[in-house]
Amino acid sequence: MGEISNHATEIALYEPKKSENQLEGEYYVGIIVYDSTMELPSEIEYLEVKSEFVATRGKISDVGKVHSKLGVWAKEQGYHLKQDAYMIEAGHAVENGEEVEIYLPITIKLKEMI
């Protein structure tokens, strides 16, 4: 990503599963940029993600468990997970391997909807 200056970590955006049986889906690989007005190379697409998220971090080898625990925690806290917004993952190198940071998009708390 040498062509794009002023950026942060690499990320992946995944469409949420439409059913438990869904094995394939859309995803984007990208980077977080600090300046949306900068000029991008023609082959790069700019996506702006506007949402509220719940987030956690864990071992990349346990990514499925990390996702599940975060989803359960979000529901216990009264959050409703958006079914039409992309989930975000960011990988981070650590001393003993790699960790993943997961962001699940949410709407207002269920308790506030009543």
C-alpha atoms as a PDB file:
ATOM      1  CA  MET A   1       0.000   0.000   0.000  1.00  0.00           C
ATOM      2  CA  GLY A   2       2.896   2.314  -0.710  1.00  0.00           C
ATOM      3  CA  GLU A   3       0.732   4.505  -2.984  1.00  0.00           C
ATOM      4  CA  ILE A   4      -1.566   5.618  -0.173  1.00  0.00           C
ATOM      5  CA  SER A   5      -0.053   7.780   2.527  1.00  0.00           C
ATOM      6  CA  ASN A   6      -1.554   8.710   5.879  1.00  0.00           C
ATOM      7  CA  HIS A   7      -3.244   5.398   6.628  1.00  0.00           C
ATOM      8  CA  ALA A   8      -3.624   3.113   9.626  1.00  0.00           C
ATOM      9  CA  THR A   9      -4.056  -0.633   9.879  1.00  0.00           C
ATOM     10  CA  GLU A  10      -5.213  -3.086   7.234  1.00  0.00           C
ATOM     11  CA  ILE A  11      -8.776  -4.320   7.650  1.00  0.00           C
ATOM     12  CA  ALA A  12     -11.311  -6.691   6.141  1.00  0.00           C
ATOM     13  CA  LEU A  13     -15.028  -5.925   5.834  1.00  0.00           C
ATOM     14  CA  TYR A  14     -17.325  -8.958   5.685  1.00  0.00           C
ATOM     15  CA  GLU A  15     -21.001  -9.124   4.858  1.00  0.00           C
ATOM     16  CA  PRO A  16     -22.985 -10.670   7.711  1.00  0.00           C
ATOM     17  CA  LYS A  17     -24.205 -14.235   7.281  1.00  0.00           C
ATOM     18  CA  LYS A  18     -27.691 -14.419   5.854  1.00  0.00           C
ATOM     19  CA  SER A  19     -28.115 -17.889   7.379  1.00  0.00           C
ATOM     20  CA  GLU A  20     -26.102 -20.389   9.417  1.00  0.00           C
ATOM     21  CA  ASN A  21     -25.606 -22.443   6.243  1.00  0.00           C
ATOM     22  CA  GLN A  22     -24.011 -19.598   4.269  1.00  0.00           C
ATOM     23  CA  LEU A  23     -20.432 -20.578   3.419  1.00  0.00           C
ATOM     24  CA  GLU A  24     -19.489 -17.789   0.997  1.00  0.00           C
ATOM     25  CA  GLY A  25     -20.098 -14.067   0.920  1.00  0.00           C
ATOM     26  CA  GLU A  26     -18.796 -10.647  -0.051  1.00  0.00           C
ATOM     27  CA  TYR A  27     -15.788  -9.058   1.575  1.00  0.00           C
ATOM     28  CA  TYR A  28     -13.422  -6.162   1.027  1.00  0.00           C
ATOM     29  CA  VAL A  29      -9.777  -5.923   2.025  1.00  0.00           C
ATOM     30  CA  GLY A  30      -8.557  -2.428   2.723  1.00  0.00           C
ATOM     31  CA  ILE A  31      -6.914   0.089   4.963  1.00  0.00           C
ATOM     32  CA  ILE A  32      -8.217   2.796   7.252  1.00  0.00           C
ATOM     33  CA  VAL A  33      -7.377   6.256   5.911  1.00  0.00           C
ATOM     34  CA  TYR A  34      -7.429   9.468   7.894  1.00  0.00           C
ATOM     35  CA  ASP A  35      -8.322  11.835   5.062  1.00  0.00           C
ATOM     36  CA  SER A  36     -11.327  11.042   2.863  1.00  0.00           C
ATOM     37  CA  THR A  37     -10.542  13.905   0.482  1.00  0.00           C
ATOM     38  CA  MET A  38      -7.165  12.551  -0.603  1.00  0.00           C
ATOM     39  CA  GLU A  39      -6.722  11.433  -4.192  1.00  0.00           C
ATOM     40  CA  LEU A  40      -6.719   7.657  -4.594  1.00  0.00           C
ATOM     41  CA  PRO A  41      -5.245   5.576  -7.402  1.00  0.00           C
ATOM     42  CA  SER A  42      -7.907   4.815 -10.049  1.00  0.00           C
ATOM     43  CA  GLU A  43      -8.005   1.078  -9.258  1.00  0.00           C
ATOM     44  CA  ILE A  44      -8.887   1.682  -5.595  1.00  0.00           C
ATOM     45  CA  GLU A  45     -12.453   2.081  -4.345  1.00  0.00           C
ATOM     46  CA  TYR A  46     -13.239   4.311  -1.349  1.00  0.00           C
ATOM     47  CA  LEU A  47     -15.855   3.036   1.126  1.00  0.00           C
ATOM     48  CA  GLU A  48     -17.020   5.071   4.090  1.00  0.00           C
ATOM     49  CA  VAL A  49     -18.429   3.016   6.946  1.00  0.00           C
ATOM     50  CA  LYS A  50     -20.786   4.906   9.223  1.00  0.00           C
ATOM     51  CA  SER A  51     -22.106   2.782  12.038  1.00  0.00           C
ATOM     52  CA  GLU A  52     -21.872   2.112  15.735  1.00  0.00           C
ATOM     53  CA  PHE A  53     -20.032  -1.029  16.776  1.00  0.00           C
ATOM     54  CA  VAL A  54     -19.313  -3.325  19.668  1.00  0.00           C
ATOM     55  CA  ALA A  55     -15.725  -4.525  19.574  1.00  0.00           C
ATOM     56  CA  THR A  56     -13.311  -6.979  21.126  1.00  0.00           C
ATOM     57  CA  ARG A  57      -9.885  -8.437  20.542  1.00  0.00           C
ATOM     58  CA  GLY A  58      -8.601 -12.009  20.804  1.00  0.00           C
ATOM     59  CA  LYS A  59      -6.319 -14.649  19.340  1.00  0.00           C
ATOM     60  CA  ILE A  60      -6.676 -15.000  15.585  1.00  0.00           C
ATOM     61  CA  SER A  61      -6.608 -18.784  16.012  1.00  0.00           C
ATOM     62  CA  ASP A  62      -9.860 -18.435  18.022  1.00  0.00           C
ATOM     63  CA  VAL A  63     -11.587 -16.019  15.625  1.00  0.00           C
ATOM     64  CA  GLY A  64     -14.845 -18.030  15.573  1.00  0.00           C
ATOM     65  CA  LYS A  65     -15.059 -18.115  19.372  1.00  0.00           C
ATOM     66  CA  VAL A  66     -14.191 -14.423  19.592  1.00  0.00           C
ATOM     67  CA  HIS A  67     -17.044 -13.583  17.180  1.00  0.00           C
ATOM     68  CA  SER A  68     -19.511 -15.769  19.097  1.00  0.00           C
ATOM     69  CA  LYS A  69     -18.588 -14.355  22.506  1.00  0.00           C
ATOM     70  CA  LEU A  70     -18.912 -10.793  21.231  1.00  0.00           C
ATOM     71  CA  GLY A  71     -22.327 -11.518  19.710  1.00  0.00           C
ATOM     72  CA  VAL A  72     -23.561 -13.085  22.959  1.00  0.00           C
ATOM     73  CA  TRP A  73     -22.170 -10.205  25.027  1.00  0.00           C
ATOM     74  CA  ALA A  74     -23.828  -7.638  22.734  1.00  0.00           C
ATOM     75  CA  LYS A  75     -27.227  -9.300  23.149  1.00  0.00           C
ATOM     76  CA  GLU A  76     -26.772  -9.525  26.933  1.00  0.00           C
ATOM     77  CA  GLN A  77     -26.069  -5.780  26.979  1.00  0.00           C
ATOM     78  CA  GLY A  78     -29.269  -5.126  25.020  1.00  0.00           C
ATOM     79  CA  TYR A  79     -27.709  -4.331  21.641  1.00  0.00           C
ATOM     80  CA  HIS A  80     -29.252  -5.436  18.361  1.00  0.00           C
ATOM     81  CA  LEU A  81     -26.752  -6.575  15.712  1.00  0.00           C
ATOM     82  CA  LYS A  82     -27.336  -5.029  12.288  1.00  0.00           C
ATOM     83  CA  GLN A  83     -28.007  -7.690   9.683  1.00  0.00           C
ATOM     84  CA  ASP A  84     -27.364  -5.434   6.691  1.00  0.00           C
ATOM     85  CA  ALA A  85     -23.983  -3.907   7.594  1.00  0.00           C
ATOM     86  CA  TYR A  86     -20.434  -5.138   7.182  1.00  0.00           C
ATOM     87  CA  MET A  87     -18.455  -6.577  10.081  1.00  0.00           C
ATOM     88  CA  ILE A  88     -14.872  -5.345  10.377  1.00  0.00           C
ATOM     89  CA  GLU A  89     -11.772  -7.304  11.338  1.00  0.00           C
ATOM     90  CA  ALA A  90      -8.253  -5.967  11.819  1.00  0.00           C
ATOM     91  CA  GLY A  91      -5.207  -8.145  12.411  1.00  0.00           C
ATOM     92  CA  HIS A  92      -2.456  -7.127  14.813  1.00  0.00           C
ATOM     93  CA  ALA A  93       0.960  -8.701  15.225  1.00  0.00           C
ATOM     94  CA  VAL A  94       1.788  -9.405  18.871  1.00  0.00           C
ATOM     95  CA  GLU A  95       4.731 -11.015  20.612  1.00  0.00           C
ATOM     96  CA  ASN A  96       3.279 -14.550  20.527  1.00  0.00           C
ATOM     97  CA  GLY A  97       1.541 -14.560  17.140  1.00  0.00           C
ATOM     98  CA  GLU A  98      -1.355 -12.492  15.868  1.00  0.00           C
ATOM     99  CA  GLU A  99      -4.548 -11.086  17.337  1.00  0.00           C
ATOM    100  CA  VAL A 100      -7.750 -10.064  15.627  1.00  0.00           C
ATOM    101  CA  GLU A 101      -9.870  -7.061  16.520  1.00  0.00           C
ATOM    102  CA  ILE A 102     -13.542  -7.552  15.639  1.00  0.00           C
ATOM    103  CA  TYR A 103     -16.182  -4.851  15.194  1.00  0.00           C
ATOM    104  CA  LEU A 104     -19.833  -5.911  14.922  1.00  0.00           C
ATOM    105  CA  PRO A 105     -22.292  -3.245  13.725  1.00  0.00           C
ATOM    106  CA  ILE A 106     -25.160  -2.480  16.093  1.00  0.00           C
ATOM    107  CA  THR A 107     -28.355  -0.475  16.232  1.00  0.00           C
ATOM    108  CA  ILE A 108     -29.818   1.101  19.352  1.00  0.00           C
ATOM    109  CA  LYS A 109     -30.169  -0.993  22.470  1.00  0.00           C
ATOM    110  CA  LEU A 110     -33.160  -3.342  22.532  1.00  0.00           C
ATOM    111  CA  LYS A 111     -34.252  -1.844  25.873  1.00  0.00           C
ATOM    112  CA  GLU A 112     -34.397   1.618  24.287  1.00  0.00           C
ATOM    113  CA  MET A 113     -36.626   0.338  21.465  1.00  0.00           C
ATOM    114  CA  ILE A 114     -39.431  -0.628  23.853  1.00  0.00           C
END
